[in-house]
Structure formats: structure tokens, C-alpha cells
Amino acid sequence: MLIFEDQPQTASWLKWLLGGVLALTLILGVIFLSVDVTASLVMFGVTLFDGLLFYCVIPRSYQIYEDHLKINLGGPFHTRLDFRDIRSISRVEGANALASTNIRFATSTAYVVEIARKGKIGVIISPSNGEVFLERANQALQQYTASSAH
């Protein structure tokens, strides 16, 4: 059962960066039309590929369930993090938020949450309502741990 859902906080610089990549390859495709049609088609293909890639890997929502967390990506893609594999859920700040070796699903550095997992690589996310997300996630983790201990 779904307990809480939050949207990712996306930094404006990231939006500009991703939009710039798409705009650059599209503009190059248009410029190449008069020079080399094959190169133009390749650039249009790169634009399409990049757009699909961004769509598939940028988080759409973070969901907390009774026994797991779910990171919804574009289309049918998602990542499930079972509570039995989670050691802790905490906020990270400053250089630790940027210089992490975890899997990054964070789209902002304003409020960064680290999900440390047992024997697996951790996950970094950036919920828009970070304090509430962190509180609800830790409550759900504690309830799961207490119920599985019986």
C-alpha cells in the first residue's frame, strides 16, 4: 500500500543543461542539412536518442510503500529498494552530496537524501518535500523492521 509520494526537485541548471544538449544537437542537425544530409540525419538521431535517454533515466516520483521504496523513472522503468536491504535513510549535505559514490537519482543539490543499503551500493535522491519524505521513509523503515523482527 502506498504511504507517501513525492516529486523530485529539479535544479534549474540541470533543466538548462539537458535542454542545451538537445538544442545543440538539433541545431547542428539543421546546419548540416545544407552541407551533408547523412550528418544531419545522424544529429537528428542523436537528438532523439538523447531525448529518450533523458526521459527514461530522470526520476518522475519517489514512492514509499510498507515494505519498499520505489523510484519511478520515465515510461515503464523504475527502481525498487526493499526495506530488508536498507541500512539507513538520511540527509546528506555539502560536499558529501556531490562527491558520493552512490547511484545518483538526484536532480538537485538543495535537499539530498542518501539511502544506504546493506552490501549494495547506495542511492541518492532529491525529493522536493525532503523533510517530510525523510520522516515518512524512516517511519516506514522502522515499522517494517519492527514487524519483521516478530
Protein backbone atom coordinates (compact mmCIF):
# COMPACT_ATOMS: atom_id res chain seq x y z
CA MET A 1 0.00 0.00 0.00
CA LEU A 2 1.30 3.45 -0.94
CA ILE A 3 2.16 5.54 2.12
CA PHE A 4 3.65 8.69 0.59
CA GLU A 5 4.63 10.02 -2.82
CA ASP A 6 6.85 12.97 -3.68
CA GLN A 7 8.14 14.52 -6.87
CA PRO A 8 11.86 15.08 -7.43
CA GLN A 9 13.21 18.57 -7.03
CA THR A 10 14.92 19.53 -10.28
CA ALA A 11 17.52 22.28 -10.31
CA SER A 12 17.13 24.92 -13.00
CA TRP A 13 20.76 24.44 -14.09
CA LEU A 14 20.01 20.78 -14.85
CA LYS A 15 16.99 21.72 -16.94
CA TRP A 16 19.13 24.22 -18.87
CA LEU A 17 21.92 21.68 -19.32
CA LEU A 18 19.66 18.93 -20.66
CA GLY A 19 17.74 21.39 -22.84
CA GLY A 20 21.05 22.76 -24.13
CA VAL A 21 22.28 19.31 -25.13
CA LEU A 22 19.07 18.67 -27.07
CA ALA A 23 19.10 22.13 -28.63
CA LEU A 24 22.74 21.82 -29.67
CA THR A 25 22.31 18.51 -31.47
CA LEU A 26 19.09 19.70 -33.10
CA ILE A 27 20.70 22.95 -34.31
CA LEU A 28 23.70 21.02 -35.64
CA GLY A 29 21.29 18.74 -37.50
CA VAL A 30 19.64 21.76 -39.13
CA ILE A 31 23.01 23.32 -40.04
CA PHE A 32 24.26 20.06 -41.55
CA LEU A 33 21.18 19.83 -43.81
CA SER A 34 22.82 22.18 -46.34
CA VAL A 35 26.25 20.51 -46.05
CA ASP A 36 25.78 16.78 -45.53
CA VAL A 37 22.39 15.09 -45.30
CA THR A 38 23.84 11.96 -43.67
CA ALA A 39 25.48 14.00 -40.91
CA SER A 40 22.21 15.86 -40.46
CA LEU A 41 20.27 12.62 -40.07
CA VAL A 42 22.86 11.38 -37.56
CA MET A 43 22.45 14.56 -35.49
CA PHE A 44 18.66 14.24 -35.57
CA GLY A 45 19.08 10.63 -34.43
CA VAL A 46 21.39 11.74 -31.60
CA THR A 47 18.79 14.33 -30.55
CA LEU A 48 16.08 11.68 -30.49
CA PHE A 49 18.29 9.20 -28.63
CA ASP A 50 19.33 11.80 -26.03
CA GLY A 51 15.70 12.85 -25.50
CA LEU A 52 14.62 9.24 -24.96
CA LEU A 53 17.57 8.60 -22.67
CA PHE A 54 16.78 11.66 -20.54
CA TYR A 55 13.13 10.63 -20.42
CA CYS A 56 14.00 7.11 -19.26
CA VAL A 57 16.57 7.93 -16.55
CA ILE A 58 15.30 11.11 -14.89
CA PRO A 59 13.07 10.31 -11.91
CA ARG A 60 9.36 11.22 -12.08
CA SER A 61 8.41 10.36 -8.49
CA TYR A 62 9.59 8.76 -5.28
CA GLN A 63 7.12 6.47 -3.53
CA ILE A 64 7.15 4.97 -0.04
CA TYR A 65 5.34 1.67 0.48
CA GLU A 66 5.04 -0.53 3.57
CA ASP A 67 7.96 -2.75 2.54
CA HIS A 68 9.93 -0.80 -0.06
CA LEU A 69 10.78 2.50 -1.72
CA LYS A 70 10.17 2.95 -5.42
CA ILE A 71 11.86 5.41 -7.76
CA ASN A 72 9.67 5.87 -10.85
CA LEU A 73 11.59 6.76 -13.97
CA GLY A 74 10.21 7.53 -17.42
CA GLY A 75 7.79 5.09 -19.02
CA PRO A 76 7.70 1.59 -17.53
CA PHE A 77 11.09 1.92 -15.82
CA HIS A 78 11.51 2.05 -12.05
CA THR A 79 13.89 1.05 -9.27
CA ARG A 80 12.63 -0.84 -6.22
CA LEU A 81 14.55 -0.62 -2.95
CA ASP A 82 13.35 -3.23 -0.45
CA PHE A 83 13.46 -2.22 3.22
CA ARG A 84 15.15 -5.52 4.09
CA ASP A 85 18.17 -4.25 2.09
CA ILE A 86 18.19 -0.70 3.54
CA ARG A 87 20.54 0.13 6.41
CA SER A 88 19.59 3.81 6.82
CA ILE A 89 17.89 6.76 5.18
CA SER A 90 19.42 10.16 5.95
CA ARG A 91 20.03 13.64 4.63
CA VAL A 92 23.45 14.47 3.23
CA GLU A 93 24.74 17.97 2.75
CA GLY A 94 27.60 19.86 1.20
CA ALA A 95 30.45 18.02 -0.47
CA ASN A 96 29.08 14.64 0.65
CA ALA A 97 26.01 15.20 -1.53
CA LEU A 98 28.16 15.88 -4.60
CA ALA A 99 31.13 13.55 -4.08
CA SER A 100 29.17 10.40 -3.44
CA THR A 101 29.93 7.01 -4.96
CA ASN A 102 26.25 6.03 -4.76
CA ILE A 103 23.83 5.68 -7.67
CA ARG A 104 22.56 9.20 -8.29
CA PHE A 105 18.89 9.76 -8.98
CA ALA A 106 19.23 13.26 -7.51
CA THR A 107 18.21 16.10 -9.81
CA SER A 108 19.08 18.88 -7.34
CA THR A 109 21.52 19.59 -4.53
CA ALA A 110 19.02 21.57 -2.41
CA TYR A 111 17.84 18.61 -0.28
CA VAL A 112 19.64 15.34 -0.86
CA VAL A 113 18.68 12.03 0.74
CA GLU A 114 21.02 9.05 0.88
CA ILE A 115 19.62 5.54 1.08
CA ALA A 116 22.40 3.33 2.44
CA ARG A 117 21.91 -0.35 1.59
CA LYS A 118 23.32 -3.48 3.18
CA GLY A 119 26.02 -5.00 0.99
CA LYS A 120 24.90 -2.97 -2.04
CA ILE A 121 25.69 0.41 -3.49
CA GLY A 122 23.59 3.21 -2.00
CA VAL A 123 21.18 5.52 -3.77
CA ILE A 124 21.00 9.34 -3.74
CA ILE A 125 17.69 11.13 -4.42
CA SER A 126 16.40 14.71 -4.14
CA PRO A 127 12.72 14.81 -3.14
CA SER A 128 11.02 18.19 -3.41
CA ASN A 129 9.48 17.81 0.05
CA GLY A 130 12.66 16.42 1.59
CA GLU A 131 11.94 16.70 5.31
CA VAL A 132 8.51 15.08 5.01
CA PHE A 133 9.87 12.37 2.71
CA LEU A 134 12.72 11.61 5.10
CA GLU A 135 10.38 11.45 8.09
CA ARG A 136 7.87 9.16 6.36
CA ALA A 137 10.56 6.93 4.88
CA ASN A 138 12.23 6.43 8.26
CA GLN A 139 8.84 5.73 9.91
CA ALA A 140 8.05 3.11 7.27
CA LEU A 141 11.54 1.58 7.64
CA GLN A 142 11.15 1.38 11.43
CA GLN A 143 7.70 -0.17 11.16
CA TYR A 144 8.96 -2.72 8.64
CA THR A 145 11.95 -3.57 10.84
CA ALA A 146 9.73 -3.94 13.91
CA SER A 147 7.18 -6.13 12.10
CA SER A 148 9.81 -8.39 10.53
CA ALA A 149 11.54 -8.89 13.91
CA HIS A 150 8.50 -10.71 15.31
